[in-house]
Amino acid sequence: MRYLKEKVFVALAVFTTFPWLISFFVGIKYSPPFEAFIAGMAVVGAAFLLSWAAETAEMDVPRSLSLAVVALLAVLPEYAVDMYFAWMAGRVGGDYIHYAAANMTGANRLLLGVGWSLVAFVAMLKTRKKEVELDEGIRLEFFVLLIASLYCFLIPLRGEISLIDSVVLIFLYALYVKLALKAPREEFEPAGVPAYFCKLPVKKRRVSVVILMLYAALIIFISVEAFAEGLIKTAENFGIDEFLMVQWIAPLASESPEFIVAMYLVRKLRVTAGINALVSSKVNQWTLLIGCLAVVYSIALAHPSDLPLDARQREEVLLTAAQSLLGVAIIIDLRLHLYEAALLLSLFLLQFVYQSVEMRLFLSFLYIAIAVPIILRNLKEVRKSYEFVRTLARR
């Protein structure tokens, strides 16, 4: 049967949402570990449905609109988790203030340290080359990521994510979207599940997309609290650092569809599309995601307020900014070499060898010490990216 595999994937994604959907409406209570597991599986399943629906929607909406909307929908599960922590930080306070920053830094570092590296490794295996070439269009993401990374070094120095930071970073994201609408992009070529949906008659396809989006949004809405709280209570029960659980396990679930979709594109030899998808996600999370934290926190408090950071969170934000700077340096020449991908992954994993203040500060210094000489040596590439952005702005 044609597209049997794709139909099975859709059925599996929907099936993973059923246990929590039924439990939520029936009112069944579970132990924290099991509740976190089934709610997390629901978030992952919904994330896949949302990703497939968003990509399929590119067939029916203007290309410029799809670039802005689809990119945001793809990371909605990660936003839902982090915005929940920011909301609870304003309503309840306490450790939730730490969790909001923890989830944000974990998501960003996981995306760059693991996502970029593993997708690059797969691309090199498929192409039998020791480097991945990126297209000129990535210069926009590079330049925005450079500006955002440099700006975010100010956050740990002040010890808070302020509403001014929110204005700057959200404006930077809005500017990025505006310029992205003008940038040349790879033509839309659906693959996998979206290819199946795109072959449906127009009316049936559009109805399917709307249903999938609404269903995925519902699942994420009813699952995010149980998933987040289940992780926290599980960590408490087993004597695990709640900060680490929120920082790594929550983003691993919400980011997984992005990784898998990027891997799928690379396996189909759409290497540029796969790498670009993760770089674009990094820009999205390193601007809009951070910018929204203080806004949601203020709404929850019912008055304007900056989101405070304690010493641990300041170190985490510093480390994340330093890693982002190295990511910028690595793609500055529009190439991602084998040794660079290995470096990103190795430094990311090194933080788990020793969990200490000294290690976080050492890694931050090491990221910066490696990144700055590369950027200075390639200032010509920075200027090229600046000119590329200026050209887009004039269109």
Protein backbone atom coordinates (compact mmCIF):
# COMPACT_ATOMS: atom_id res chain seq x y z
CA MET A 1 0.00 0.00 0.00
CA ARG A 2 1.35 3.42 -0.96
CA TYR A 3 2.50 5.60 1.96
CA LEU A 4 1.85 2.76 4.42
CA LYS A 5 4.94 3.66 6.44
CA GLU A 6 3.88 7.31 6.69
CA LYS A 7 0.37 6.31 7.83
CA VAL A 8 1.88 4.07 10.50
CA PHE A 9 4.04 6.97 11.75
CA VAL A 10 0.98 9.22 12.07
CA ALA A 11 -0.92 6.47 13.89
CA LEU A 12 1.99 5.92 16.29
CA ALA A 13 2.29 9.63 17.04
CA VAL A 14 -1.44 9.86 17.78
CA PHE A 15 -1.32 6.67 19.84
CA THR A 16 1.42 8.06 22.12
CA THR A 17 -0.94 10.87 23.14
CA PHE A 18 -3.83 8.59 24.16
CA PRO A 19 -2.61 7.38 27.58
CA TRP A 20 -2.31 10.90 28.96
CA LEU A 21 -5.37 12.21 27.07
CA ILE A 22 -7.57 9.51 28.65
CA SER A 23 -5.95 9.92 32.08
CA PHE A 24 -6.44 13.69 32.02
CA PHE A 25 -10.14 13.64 31.20
CA VAL A 26 -10.94 10.64 33.41
CA GLY A 27 -8.94 12.13 36.28
CA ILE A 28 -6.60 9.20 36.91
CA LYS A 29 -3.60 9.94 39.13
CA TYR A 30 -0.24 8.18 38.83
CA SER A 31 3.11 8.17 40.56
CA PRO A 32 5.29 11.17 39.52
CA PRO A 33 7.71 9.12 37.35
CA PHE A 34 4.91 7.43 35.39
CA GLU A 35 2.92 10.64 35.07
CA ALA A 36 5.98 12.48 33.77
CA PHE A 37 6.59 9.63 31.32
CA ILE A 38 3.12 9.43 29.77
CA ALA A 39 2.67 13.23 29.74
CA GLY A 40 6.12 13.57 28.17
CA MET A 41 5.25 10.96 25.53
CA ALA A 42 2.10 12.96 24.78
CA VAL A 43 4.21 16.11 24.29
CA VAL A 44 6.59 14.25 21.96
CA GLY A 45 3.73 12.76 19.94
CA ALA A 46 2.01 16.14 19.68
CA ALA A 47 5.28 17.75 18.63
CA PHE A 48 5.61 15.35 15.72
CA LEU A 49 2.02 15.95 14.63
CA LEU A 50 2.56 19.70 14.84
CA SER A 51 5.81 19.51 12.87
CA TRP A 52 4.21 17.44 10.09
CA ALA A 53 1.15 19.68 9.91
CA ALA A 54 3.27 22.83 9.82
CA GLU A 55 5.42 21.53 6.97
CA THR A 56 2.35 20.37 5.01
CA ALA A 57 0.80 23.83 5.46
CA GLU A 58 3.56 25.27 3.30
CA MET A 59 1.58 23.93 0.32
CA ASP A 60 -1.38 26.19 1.04
CA VAL A 61 -0.12 29.42 2.59
CA PRO A 62 2.04 32.14 1.04
CA ARG A 63 5.72 31.21 1.13
CA SER A 64 6.63 34.34 3.11
CA LEU A 65 4.01 33.62 5.76
CA SER A 66 4.98 29.97 6.08
CA LEU A 67 8.61 30.84 6.84
CA ALA A 68 7.57 32.89 9.84
CA VAL A 69 4.73 30.75 11.17
CA VAL A 70 6.13 27.27 10.55
CA ALA A 71 9.45 28.09 12.23
CA LEU A 72 7.58 29.18 15.35
CA LEU A 73 5.22 26.21 15.41
CA ALA A 74 8.14 23.79 15.21
CA VAL A 75 9.44 24.89 18.62
CA LEU A 76 6.04 25.36 20.29
CA PRO A 77 6.49 22.36 22.66
CA GLU A 78 9.75 23.79 24.01
CA TYR A 79 8.12 27.20 24.47
CA ALA A 80 5.16 25.63 26.25
CA VAL A 81 7.40 23.94 28.84
CA ASP A 82 9.55 27.00 29.47
CA MET A 83 6.64 29.43 29.56
CA TYR A 84 4.97 27.18 32.14
CA PHE A 85 8.00 27.51 34.41
CA ALA A 86 8.11 31.28 33.86
CA TRP A 87 4.39 31.55 34.65
CA MET A 88 4.73 29.50 37.83
CA ALA A 89 7.77 31.59 38.80
CA GLY A 90 5.49 34.62 38.84
CA ARG A 91 2.56 32.89 40.53
CA VAL A 92 4.40 30.74 43.08
CA GLY A 93 8.01 31.93 43.06
CA GLY A 94 10.61 29.81 44.83
CA ASP A 95 12.48 27.26 42.76
CA TYR A 96 10.31 27.89 39.69
CA ILE A 97 12.37 31.02 39.08
CA HIS A 98 15.44 28.79 38.73
CA TYR A 99 13.60 26.26 36.57
CA ALA A 100 12.67 28.85 33.93
CA ALA A 101 16.31 29.72 33.31
CA ALA A 102 17.39 26.07 33.60
CA ASN A 103 15.00 24.88 30.90
CA MET A 104 16.00 27.71 28.56
CA THR A 105 19.76 27.17 28.90
CA GLY A 106 19.40 23.39 28.64
CA ALA A 107 17.32 23.63 25.46
CA ASN A 108 19.80 26.00 23.83
CA ARG A 109 22.90 23.99 24.73
CA LEU A 110 21.30 20.67 23.77
CA LEU A 111 20.25 22.03 20.39
CA LEU A 112 23.73 23.30 19.54
CA GLY A 113 25.97 20.82 21.35
CA VAL A 114 24.12 17.65 20.36
CA GLY A 115 21.80 18.67 17.51
CA TRP A 116 24.30 20.43 15.27
CA SER A 117 26.97 17.81 15.90
CA LEU A 118 24.93 14.66 15.30
CA VAL A 119 23.20 16.02 12.20
CA ALA A 120 26.60 17.03 10.81
CA PHE A 121 27.99 13.53 11.52
CA VAL A 122 25.08 11.89 9.68
CA ALA A 123 25.47 14.32 6.76
CA MET A 124 29.17 13.50 6.46
CA LEU A 125 28.45 9.78 6.47
CA LYS A 126 25.85 10.19 3.74
CA THR A 127 28.01 12.42 1.54
CA ARG A 128 31.31 10.66 2.41
CA LYS A 129 32.93 14.03 3.05
CA LYS A 130 34.67 15.44 6.12
CA GLU A 131 32.75 18.69 6.07
CA VAL A 132 29.26 20.03 5.47
CA GLU A 133 28.82 23.04 3.21
CA LEU A 134 26.14 25.56 4.11
CA ASP A 135 24.43 27.85 1.63
CA GLU A 136 24.72 31.64 1.50
CA GLY A 137 21.27 32.05 3.01
CA ILE A 138 22.62 30.95 6.41
CA ARG A 139 24.51 34.25 6.64
CA LEU A 140 21.33 35.85 8.00
CA GLU A 141 21.08 33.33 10.84
CA PHE A 142 24.81 33.65 11.47
CA PHE A 143 24.65 37.44 11.82
CA VAL A 144 21.56 37.44 14.08
CA LEU A 145 23.06 34.68 16.21
CA LEU A 146 26.30 36.67 16.54
CA ILE A 147 24.46 39.80 17.71
CA ALA A 148 22.26 37.83 20.11
CA SER A 149 25.22 35.90 21.56
CA LEU A 150 27.24 39.05 22.20
CA TYR A 151 24.24 40.78 23.76
CA CYS A 152 23.40 37.85 26.04
CA PHE A 153 26.78 38.15 27.78
CA LEU A 154 25.24 41.21 29.48
CA ILE A 155 22.55 39.10 31.19
CA PRO A 156 24.81 37.20 33.65
CA LEU A 157 26.71 40.41 34.37
CA ARG A 158 23.49 42.09 35.56
CA GLY A 159 22.14 38.96 37.25
CA GLU A 160 18.66 39.14 35.70
CA ILE A 161 16.69 38.82 32.49
CA SER A 162 15.18 42.28 32.33
CA LEU A 163 12.23 43.60 30.37
CA ILE A 164 14.76 45.67 28.43
CA ASP A 165 16.42 42.39 27.42
CA SER A 166 12.98 41.17 26.35
CA VAL A 167 12.44 44.22 24.15
CA VAL A 168 15.88 43.92 22.54
CA LEU A 169 15.73 40.17 21.91
CA ILE A 170 12.12 40.10 20.71
CA PHE A 171 12.90 43.02 18.39
CA LEU A 172 15.93 41.12 17.10
CA TYR A 173 13.75 38.09 16.42
CA ALA A 174 11.12 40.23 14.66
CA LEU A 175 13.87 41.77 12.53
CA TYR A 176 15.16 38.29 11.73
CA VAL A 177 11.70 37.15 10.60
CA LYS A 178 11.24 40.28 8.48
CA LEU A 179 14.57 39.71 6.72
CA ALA A 180 13.97 35.95 6.44
CA LEU A 181 10.83 36.67 4.43
CA LYS A 182 13.05 38.35 1.84
CA ALA A 183 15.81 35.77 1.79
CA PRO A 184 16.10 33.15 -0.98
CA ARG A 185 15.23 29.70 0.30
CA GLU A 186 15.35 26.12 -0.86
CA GLU A 187 12.16 25.24 -2.71
CA PHE A 188 9.62 23.32 -0.66
CA GLU A 189 10.04 19.58 -1.25
CA PRO A 190 7.88 17.57 1.15
CA ALA A 191 9.32 14.30 2.37
CA GLY A 192 8.08 11.54 4.66
CA VAL A 193 4.74 12.15 6.36
CA PRO A 194 4.25 15.68 4.89
CA ALA A 195 4.71 14.17 1.40
CA TYR A 196 1.80 11.82 2.14
CA PHE A 197 -0.44 14.68 3.30
CA CYS A 198 0.55 16.83 0.31
CA LYS A 199 -0.73 14.11 -2.05
CA LEU A 200 -4.22 14.33 -0.57
CA PRO A 201 -6.94 16.34 -2.35
CA VAL A 202 -6.73 20.03 -1.45
CA LYS A 203 -9.80 20.16 0.81
CA LYS A 204 -8.89 16.94 2.62
CA ARG A 205 -5.30 18.11 3.07
CA ARG A 206 -6.31 21.44 4.55
CA VAL A 207 -8.81 19.86 6.92
CA SER A 208 -6.16 17.33 8.00
CA VAL A 209 -3.66 20.10 8.73
CA VAL A 210 -6.15 22.09 10.82
CA ILE A 211 -7.23 19.00 12.79
CA LEU A 212 -3.63 17.95 13.47
CA MET A 213 -2.66 21.45 14.62
CA LEU A 214 -5.66 21.83 16.91
CA TYR A 215 -5.24 18.34 18.35
CA ALA A 216 -1.49 18.83 18.91
CA ALA A 217 -2.10 22.20 20.58
CA LEU A 218 -4.72 20.63 22.88
CA ILE A 219 -2.37 17.79 23.85
CA ILE A 220 0.50 20.18 24.59
CA PHE A 221 -1.81 22.43 26.62
CA ILE A 222 -3.12 19.62 28.85
CA SER A 223 0.23 17.80 29.14
CA VAL A 224 2.81 20.47 29.87
CA GLU A 225 1.93 21.00 33.55
CA ALA A 226 1.86 17.28 34.39
CA PHE A 227 5.10 16.71 32.50
CA ALA A 228 6.93 19.57 34.20
CA GLU A 229 5.61 18.85 37.68
CA GLY A 230 6.14 15.11 37.26
CA LEU A 231 9.81 15.70 36.47
CA ILE A 232 10.27 17.91 39.52
CA LYS A 233 8.56 15.44 41.89
CA THR A 234 10.46 12.50 40.38
CA ALA A 235 13.73 14.29 41.02
CA GLU A 236 12.69 14.99 44.63
CA ASN A 237 11.67 11.37 45.23
CA PHE A 238 14.91 9.93 43.90
CA GLY A 239 17.23 12.58 45.35
CA ILE A 240 18.18 13.95 41.92
CA ASP A 241 18.99 17.61 41.38
CA GLU A 242 15.68 19.12 40.18
CA PHE A 243 17.58 21.81 38.33
CA LEU A 244 19.37 19.20 36.19
CA MET A 245 16.16 17.26 35.54
CA VAL A 246 14.40 20.40 34.29
CA GLN A 247 17.47 21.51 32.37
CA TRP A 248 18.08 18.33 30.38
CA ILE A 249 15.19 15.85 30.46
CA ALA A 250 12.43 18.35 29.66
CA PRO A 251 14.24 19.86 26.63
CA LEU A 252 15.22 16.37 25.42
CA ALA A 253 11.54 15.49 25.06
CA SER A 254 10.39 18.79 23.58
CA GLU A 255 13.35 19.12 21.20
CA SER A 256 13.34 15.52 19.92
CA PRO A 257 11.08 16.12 16.88
CA GLU A 258 13.41 18.88 15.63
CA PHE A 259 16.39 16.54 15.83
CA ILE A 260 14.58 13.69 14.11
CA VAL A 261 13.14 15.85 11.33
CA ALA A 262 16.60 17.32 10.67
CA MET A 263 18.09 13.81 10.61
CA TYR A 264 15.42 12.71 8.16
CA LEU A 265 16.18 15.58 5.81
CA VAL A 266 19.89 14.81 5.90
CA ARG A 267 19.28 11.09 5.23
CA LYS A 268 17.34 12.16 2.14
CA LEU A 269 20.47 14.15 1.11
CA ARG A 270 18.74 17.48 1.86
CA VAL A 271 21.79 18.39 3.93
CA THR A 272 21.41 22.15 3.69
CA ALA A 273 17.76 22.00 4.73
CA GLY A 274 18.58 19.79 7.72
CA ILE A 275 21.42 21.94 9.05
CA ASN A 276 19.56 25.18 8.32
CA ALA A 277 16.54 23.95 10.28
CA LEU A 278 18.60 23.50 13.46
CA VAL A 279 20.51 26.77 13.03
CA SER A 280 17.20 28.60 12.57
CA SER A 281 15.83 26.91 15.70
CA LYS A 282 18.87 28.08 17.64
CA VAL A 283 18.26 31.68 16.52
CA ASN A 284 14.61 31.34 17.50
CA GLN A 285 15.38 30.03 20.99
CA TRP A 286 18.30 32.37 21.65
CA THR A 287 16.18 35.45 20.91
CA LEU A 288 12.42 34.97 21.26
CA LEU A 289 12.50 32.24 23.93
CA ILE A 290 14.73 34.23 26.28
CA GLY A 291 12.85 37.43 25.51
CA CYS A 292 9.50 35.91 26.47
CA LEU A 293 10.61 34.75 29.93
CA ALA A 294 10.54 38.14 31.66
CA VAL A 295 7.31 39.05 29.83
CA VAL A 296 5.45 35.92 31.00
CA TYR A 297 6.93 36.32 34.49
CA SER A 298 5.63 39.91 34.64
CA ILE A 299 2.17 38.89 33.42
CA ALA A 300 2.01 36.21 36.12
CA LEU A 301 3.02 38.76 38.77
CA ALA A 302 0.49 41.26 37.35
CA HIS A 303 3.13 43.99 37.27
CA PRO A 304 6.35 44.68 35.31
CA SER A 305 9.32 42.83 36.75
CA ASP A 306 12.71 41.46 35.74
CA LEU A 307 13.36 37.72 36.11
CA PRO A 308 16.11 37.37 38.74
CA LEU A 309 19.02 34.94 38.33
CA ASP A 310 20.96 33.43 41.22
CA ALA A 311 24.68 32.59 41.02
CA ARG A 312 24.07 29.14 39.45
CA GLN A 313 21.78 30.53 36.77
CA ARG A 314 24.22 33.32 35.94
CA GLU A 315 26.90 30.70 35.35
CA GLU A 316 24.53 28.68 33.17
CA VAL A 317 23.58 31.69 31.03
CA LEU A 318 27.26 32.64 30.69
CA LEU A 319 28.11 29.10 29.59
CA THR A 320 25.22 29.10 27.10
CA ALA A 321 26.29 32.45 25.63
CA ALA A 322 29.88 31.23 25.33
CA GLN A 323 28.77 28.03 23.57
CA SER A 324 26.62 30.09 21.20
CA LEU A 325 29.61 32.26 20.36
CA LEU A 326 31.60 29.15 19.43
CA GLY A 327 28.70 27.94 17.30
CA VAL A 328 28.80 31.26 15.46
CA ALA A 329 32.55 30.97 14.98
CA ILE A 330 32.25 27.45 13.59
CA ILE A 331 29.75 28.34 10.85
CA ILE A 332 31.42 31.66 10.03
CA ASP A 333 32.96 30.26 6.82
CA LEU A 334 29.73 28.44 5.83
CA ARG A 335 31.35 25.09 6.55
CA LEU A 336 31.03 22.64 9.40
CA HIS A 337 34.07 20.36 9.56
CA LEU A 338 34.28 16.94 11.18
CA TYR A 339 36.66 18.13 13.89
CA GLU A 340 34.42 21.15 14.61
CA ALA A 341 31.36 18.94 15.08
CA ALA A 342 33.42 16.66 17.33
CA LEU A 343 34.60 19.69 19.32
CA LEU A 344 31.03 20.92 19.89
CA LEU A 345 29.89 17.51 21.08
CA SER A 346 32.98 16.88 23.25
CA LEU A 347 32.75 20.21 25.06
CA PHE A 348 29.03 19.71 25.59
CA LEU A 349 29.59 16.27 27.18
CA LEU A 350 32.50 17.55 29.28
CA GLN A 351 30.12 19.57 31.46
CA PHE A 352 28.66 16.30 32.79
CA VAL A 353 32.04 14.92 33.89
CA TYR A 354 32.40 17.44 36.71
CA GLN A 355 29.32 19.30 37.97
CA SER A 356 30.93 22.31 39.63
CA VAL A 357 31.17 26.07 39.48
CA GLU A 358 34.79 25.78 38.41
CA MET A 359 33.93 23.51 35.47
CA ARG A 360 31.17 25.81 34.22
CA LEU A 361 33.48 28.83 34.38
CA PHE A 362 36.35 26.88 32.81
CA LEU A 363 34.17 25.71 29.92
CA SER A 364 32.83 29.24 29.41
CA PHE A 365 36.39 30.56 29.18
CA LEU A 366 37.39 27.70 26.86
CA TYR A 367 34.45 28.32 24.49
CA ILE A 368 35.33 32.02 24.32
CA ALA A 369 39.07 31.38 23.99
CA ILE A 370 38.45 29.14 20.97
CA ALA A 371 35.72 31.29 19.37
CA VAL A 372 37.26 34.78 19.52
CA PRO A 373 40.44 34.02 17.48
CA ILE A 374 38.35 32.26 14.83
CA ILE A 375 36.00 35.23 14.51
CA LEU A 376 38.87 37.74 14.42
CA ARG A 377 40.65 35.67 11.78
CA ASN A 378 37.49 35.64 9.67
CA LEU A 379 36.33 39.24 9.98
CA LYS A 380 35.99 39.29 6.20
CA GLU A 381 33.25 36.67 6.52
CA VAL A 382 31.52 38.78 9.18
CA ARG A 383 31.55 41.73 6.79
CA LYS A 384 30.12 39.52 4.03
CA SER A 385 27.30 38.51 6.34
CA TYR A 386 26.68 42.14 7.27
CA GLU A 387 26.49 43.09 3.59
CA PHE A 388 24.16 40.15 2.96
CA VAL A 389 21.82 41.39 5.70
CA ARG A 390 21.98 44.97 4.37
CA THR A 391 21.06 43.71 0.91
CA LEU A 392 18.04 41.89 2.31
CA ALA A 393 16.99 45.00 4.24
CA ARG A 394 17.00 47.09 1.02
CA ARG A 395 14.69 44.71 -0.87
